[in-house]
Amino acid sequence: MNNVHLGLVLVLVSCSADQEVIPPGWKTIDAKYFEFQLPPGMEHDTKSFAFDSFARSYESESMKLGFDYGRYSDSLDLTYRSDGLSDVVRAPEVIDGHAATLVSYTTEKPTYFMAVHFPEVAQSSHGVIKLTMHCSYKSESDHAVVERILKSIKFRR
C-alpha cells in the first residue's frame, strides 16, 4: 500500500511541475510561433516593425520588451558593444526543451538589460530560425519579473 501512495505522490508532483501557474493579472501573449507571459501594464507597441523577421515589442512605464524571430536574430555575443556595460553575465539555459543563452548586464544610465537567445528553434527552406527576446528595465527590483517573462516562452510544436 505504501508503494501505491508513493507512486501517486510522484505522479502528482511531476504533473504539477509541468503546469506553471500564471500569476494573477498576467496575460498570455500568442506570438504565432510561440507564446509567453507578460505582467499587467505591458502593452503592445504597434509602431514596431521588422523587415526580415517576425518582431514585436511591448512596454510599460518601467520596462520595454521586444523579440525577433527569424534568421537574423541577435546572438547576444555583444562584440558590437564596447562601451559602458558592467556586470555582464551569460548563462546557458534550457527553456521549453530548447537550448538558450540568458544574458544580463547594466549600462551607464543605469539601465538594466536581460535577454535570451535561442540559436535554433526551427528550420526553414532558407535556413535556421532563431529567437531573441530582450528587455530593458529601470529598477533592479524588476530583475525577477523579467527573468520570469523570458523563461515563460513556450514554442508551438
Protein backbone atom coordinates (compact mmCIF):
# COMPACT_ATOMS: atom_id res chain seq x y z
CA MET A 1 0.00 0.00 0.00
CA ASN A 2 2.85 2.44 0.77
CA ASN A 3 4.32 1.93 -2.72
CA VAL A 4 0.98 2.92 -4.25
CA HIS A 5 0.86 6.15 -2.22
CA LEU A 6 4.47 6.99 -3.06
CA GLY A 7 3.79 6.41 -6.76
CA LEU A 8 0.71 8.64 -6.65
CA VAL A 9 2.67 11.41 -4.92
CA LEU A 10 5.43 11.20 -7.56
CA VAL A 11 2.89 11.40 -10.39
CA LEU A 12 1.18 14.42 -8.81
CA VAL A 13 4.49 16.21 -8.23
CA SER A 14 5.67 15.61 -11.82
CA CYS A 15 2.32 16.77 -13.26
CA SER A 16 2.31 19.98 -11.24
CA ALA A 17 5.91 20.76 -12.29
CA ASP A 18 4.83 20.70 -15.95
CA GLN A 19 1.95 23.13 -15.40
CA GLU A 20 3.31 26.55 -14.50
CA VAL A 21 0.95 28.76 -12.54
CA ILE A 22 0.42 32.15 -14.18
CA PRO A 23 0.49 34.98 -11.61
CA PRO A 24 -2.78 36.92 -11.16
CA GLY A 25 -3.19 39.69 -13.74
CA TRP A 26 -0.55 38.31 -16.11
CA LYS A 27 -1.60 37.59 -19.69
CA THR A 28 -0.51 35.04 -22.25
CA ILE A 29 0.77 36.56 -25.50
CA ASP A 30 0.23 34.46 -28.62
CA ALA A 31 3.21 35.25 -30.83
CA LYS A 32 2.24 32.92 -33.68
CA TYR A 33 5.28 30.59 -33.35
CA PHE A 34 5.49 30.67 -29.54
CA GLU A 35 3.75 32.17 -26.53
CA PHE A 36 4.93 33.90 -23.38
CA GLN A 37 3.57 35.62 -20.27
CA LEU A 38 3.52 39.36 -19.53
CA PRO A 39 2.72 41.17 -16.29
CA PRO A 40 -0.07 43.75 -16.02
CA GLY A 41 0.65 47.11 -17.64
CA MET A 42 2.68 45.79 -20.58
CA GLU A 43 1.08 46.97 -23.82
CA HIS A 44 1.84 46.11 -27.45
CA ASP A 45 3.80 48.87 -29.22
CA THR A 46 2.07 48.98 -32.60
CA LYS A 47 4.85 51.12 -34.10
CA SER A 48 7.35 48.25 -34.06
CA PHE A 49 8.33 46.94 -37.49
CA ALA A 50 10.61 44.22 -38.85
CA PHE A 51 11.74 43.76 -42.42
CA ASP A 52 13.18 40.23 -42.49
CA SER A 53 11.67 38.52 -39.45
CA PHE A 54 8.71 38.38 -37.09
CA ALA A 55 9.25 41.01 -34.39
CA ARG A 56 7.11 42.76 -31.80
CA SER A 57 7.62 44.99 -28.80
CA TYR A 58 5.73 45.67 -25.59
CA GLU A 59 6.25 48.36 -22.99
CA SER A 60 5.18 49.73 -19.65
CA GLU A 61 6.39 52.67 -17.58
CA SER A 62 9.22 50.61 -16.12
CA MET A 63 10.30 48.26 -18.93
CA LYS A 64 10.47 47.69 -22.66
CA LEU A 65 10.47 44.18 -24.12
CA GLY A 66 10.97 43.07 -27.70
CA PHE A 67 11.57 39.91 -29.66
CA ASP A 68 12.93 38.96 -33.06
CA TYR A 69 12.04 35.55 -34.51
CA GLY A 70 13.90 34.85 -37.74
CA ARG A 71 17.18 34.01 -39.40
CA TYR A 72 19.00 37.16 -38.25
CA SER A 73 18.07 37.36 -34.57
CA ASP A 74 20.79 38.93 -32.42
CA SER A 75 23.08 36.24 -30.97
CA LEU A 76 23.82 38.46 -27.95
CA ASP A 77 27.57 38.00 -28.32
CA LEU A 78 27.87 41.75 -27.51
CA THR A 79 31.02 42.16 -29.63
CA TYR A 80 29.44 45.25 -31.17
CA ARG A 81 29.09 46.81 -27.69
CA SER A 82 32.31 48.10 -26.21
CA ASP A 83 31.07 50.97 -24.07
CA GLY A 84 29.52 51.24 -20.67
CA LEU A 85 28.47 47.66 -19.95
CA SER A 86 29.00 46.26 -16.48
CA ASP A 87 28.12 43.08 -14.65
CA VAL A 88 27.76 41.08 -17.88
CA VAL A 89 26.50 37.59 -17.09
CA ARG A 90 25.98 34.81 -19.67
CA ALA A 91 24.34 31.57 -18.60
CA PRO A 92 23.25 28.51 -20.57
CA GLU A 93 19.58 27.63 -20.12
CA VAL A 94 17.07 25.10 -21.39
CA ILE A 95 13.66 26.70 -21.86
CA ASP A 96 10.76 24.60 -23.11
CA GLY A 97 13.24 21.93 -24.21
CA HIS A 98 15.36 24.33 -26.31
CA ALA A 99 18.97 25.30 -25.64
CA ALA A 100 19.32 29.02 -24.96
CA THR A 101 21.67 31.61 -23.54
CA LEU A 102 20.47 34.09 -20.93
CA VAL A 103 22.43 37.36 -20.87
CA SER A 104 22.15 40.25 -18.42
CA TYR A 105 24.09 43.46 -17.87
CA THR A 106 23.84 47.03 -16.62
CA THR A 107 24.52 50.16 -18.68
CA GLU A 108 25.86 53.52 -17.51
CA LYS A 109 22.45 55.22 -17.02
CA PRO A 110 21.86 52.78 -15.09
CA THR A 111 19.53 50.74 -17.18
CA TYR A 112 19.26 47.02 -16.64
CA PHE A 113 19.10 44.60 -19.54
CA MET A 114 18.28 40.92 -19.77
CA ALA A 115 17.76 38.80 -22.86
CA VAL A 116 17.52 35.22 -24.02
CA HIS A 117 18.77 33.86 -27.33
CA PHE A 118 17.70 30.54 -28.86
CA PRO A 119 20.21 29.71 -31.64
CA GLU A 120 17.88 27.18 -33.28
CA VAL A 121 14.13 26.84 -32.78
CA ALA A 122 13.10 25.75 -36.29
CA GLN A 123 14.34 25.10 -39.81
CA SER A 124 13.03 26.83 -42.92
CA SER A 125 13.86 26.42 -46.58
CA HIS A 126 16.09 29.49 -46.13
CA GLY A 127 17.98 28.30 -43.03
CA VAL A 128 17.90 28.14 -39.25
CA ILE A 129 15.26 30.15 -37.40
CA LYS A 130 16.36 31.78 -34.13
CA LEU A 131 14.63 33.74 -31.40
CA THR A 132 15.98 36.57 -29.30
CA MET A 133 13.81 38.23 -26.65
CA HIS A 134 15.24 41.23 -24.80
CA CYS A 135 14.07 43.55 -22.07
CA SER A 136 15.44 46.80 -20.68
CA TYR A 137 14.16 47.92 -17.30
CA LYS A 138 14.71 50.79 -14.88
CA SER A 139 14.87 49.09 -11.49
CA GLU A 140 16.96 46.19 -10.28
CA SER A 141 13.86 45.09 -8.36
CA ASP A 142 12.29 44.10 -11.73
CA HIS A 143 15.03 41.53 -12.39
CA ALA A 144 12.96 38.54 -11.20
CA VAL A 145 9.91 39.70 -13.22
CA VAL A 146 11.95 39.98 -16.41
CA GLU A 147 13.56 36.59 -15.84
CA ARG A 148 10.10 35.07 -15.37
CA ILE A 149 8.91 36.60 -18.66
CA LEU A 150 11.92 35.24 -20.58
CA LYS A 151 11.62 31.78 -19.07
CA SER A 152 7.87 31.62 -19.78
CA ILE A 153 8.44 31.09 -23.52
CA LYS A 154 6.65 28.02 -24.90
CA PHE A 155 7.14 27.03 -28.55
CA ARG A 156 4.47 25.68 -30.84
CA ARG A 157 5.01 22.02 -31.63
